[in-house]
Amino acid sequence: MTAAERMAAEAVARAAGCPEAVELLEFVSGTLNAEATRRIDSHVEACPACAAAISFLSEPEASIGLAGPLPAANPGLDRLI
């Protein structure tokens, strides 16, 4: 998905009352308060897009990608080891 497509999808989701991606991540990780958790639980029951997003974010492979790319190796580090 291109950046423009992602921005368009996020705009549609916001217009539909969907939670932001960060809030879905917090939901999956269990760091939301009880009220926000209930709100998202209720929303997900009626929103297939958010249910799919939560399903994807709950997969271990998804959380690996969230960490971002690994930093480039430091050539001088080999000499120190």
Protein backbone atom coordinates (compact mmCIF):
# COMPACT_ATOMS: atom_id res chain seq x y z
CA MET A 1 0.00 0.00 0.00
CA THR A 2 1.38 3.38 -0.95
CA ALA A 3 1.54 6.30 1.46
CA ALA A 4 -1.32 8.00 -0.40
CA GLU A 5 -3.48 4.87 -0.20
CA ARG A 6 -2.71 4.52 3.50
CA MET A 7 -3.63 8.17 4.14
CA ALA A 8 -6.90 7.73 2.21
CA ALA A 9 -7.77 4.57 4.15
CA GLU A 10 -7.06 6.33 7.46
CA ALA A 11 -9.27 9.27 6.41
CA VAL A 12 -12.14 6.91 5.59
CA ALA A 13 -11.66 5.10 8.91
CA ARG A 14 -11.73 8.37 10.87
CA ALA A 15 -14.89 9.43 9.04
CA ALA A 16 -16.48 6.10 9.97
CA GLY A 17 -15.62 6.63 13.65
CA CYS A 18 -12.87 4.02 13.71
CA PRO A 19 -10.13 4.29 16.34
CA GLU A 20 -6.71 5.49 15.22
CA ALA A 21 -4.05 2.84 14.51
CA VAL A 22 -2.14 3.78 17.68
CA GLU A 23 -5.23 3.13 19.77
CA LEU A 24 -5.70 -0.27 18.10
CA LEU A 25 -2.08 -1.11 18.95
CA GLU A 26 -2.68 -0.11 22.56
CA PHE A 27 -5.84 -2.25 22.57
CA VAL A 28 -3.91 -5.28 21.30
CA SER A 29 -1.09 -4.72 23.79
CA GLY A 30 -3.56 -4.33 26.68
CA THR A 31 -2.43 -0.85 27.69
CA LEU A 32 -5.77 0.96 27.27
CA ASN A 33 -7.93 1.86 30.24
CA ALA A 34 -11.14 -0.10 30.83
CA GLU A 35 -13.43 2.50 29.24
CA ALA A 36 -11.41 2.70 26.01
CA THR A 37 -11.15 -1.09 25.88
CA ARG A 38 -14.95 -1.44 26.16
CA ARG A 39 -15.43 1.23 23.48
CA ILE A 40 -13.12 -0.55 21.03
CA ASP A 41 -14.60 -3.97 21.87
CA SER A 42 -18.03 -2.60 21.01
CA HIS A 43 -16.79 -0.92 17.83
CA VAL A 44 -14.95 -4.02 16.60
CA GLU A 45 -18.13 -6.11 16.85
CA ALA A 46 -19.67 -3.93 14.12
CA CYS A 47 -16.57 -3.02 12.08
CA PRO A 48 -14.97 -5.74 9.97
CA ALA A 49 -12.07 -3.45 9.01
CA CYS A 50 -11.04 -2.85 12.62
CA ALA A 51 -11.59 -6.52 13.48
CA ALA A 52 -9.21 -7.44 10.65
CA ALA A 53 -6.68 -4.85 11.80
CA ILE A 54 -6.76 -6.21 15.36
CA SER A 55 -6.40 -9.76 14.06
CA PHE A 56 -3.36 -8.72 12.02
CA LEU A 57 -1.81 -6.74 14.87
CA SER A 58 -2.27 -9.70 17.20
CA GLU A 59 -0.03 -11.90 15.03
CA PRO A 60 3.58 -12.12 16.26
CA GLU A 61 4.89 -11.35 12.78
CA ALA A 62 3.10 -7.99 12.83
CA SER A 63 4.83 -6.85 16.00
CA ILE A 64 8.23 -7.67 14.52
CA GLY A 65 7.53 -5.27 11.65
CA LEU A 66 6.50 -2.53 14.08
CA ALA A 67 10.00 -2.38 15.50
CA GLY A 68 11.29 -0.95 12.24
CA PRO A 69 14.39 -1.85 10.30
CA LEU A 70 17.53 -2.93 12.06
CA PRO A 71 20.25 -0.30 12.23
CA ALA A 72 23.17 -0.62 9.85
CA ALA A 73 26.12 -2.53 11.21
CA ASN A 74 28.95 -0.45 12.55
CA PRO A 75 32.14 -1.50 10.69
CA GLY A 76 34.32 -0.49 13.63
CA LEU A 77 32.38 -2.77 15.98
CA ASP A 78 33.96 -5.91 14.51
CA ARG A 79 37.39 -4.71 15.60
CA LEU A 80 36.17 -4.27 19.17
CA ILE A 81 34.65 -7.72 19.50
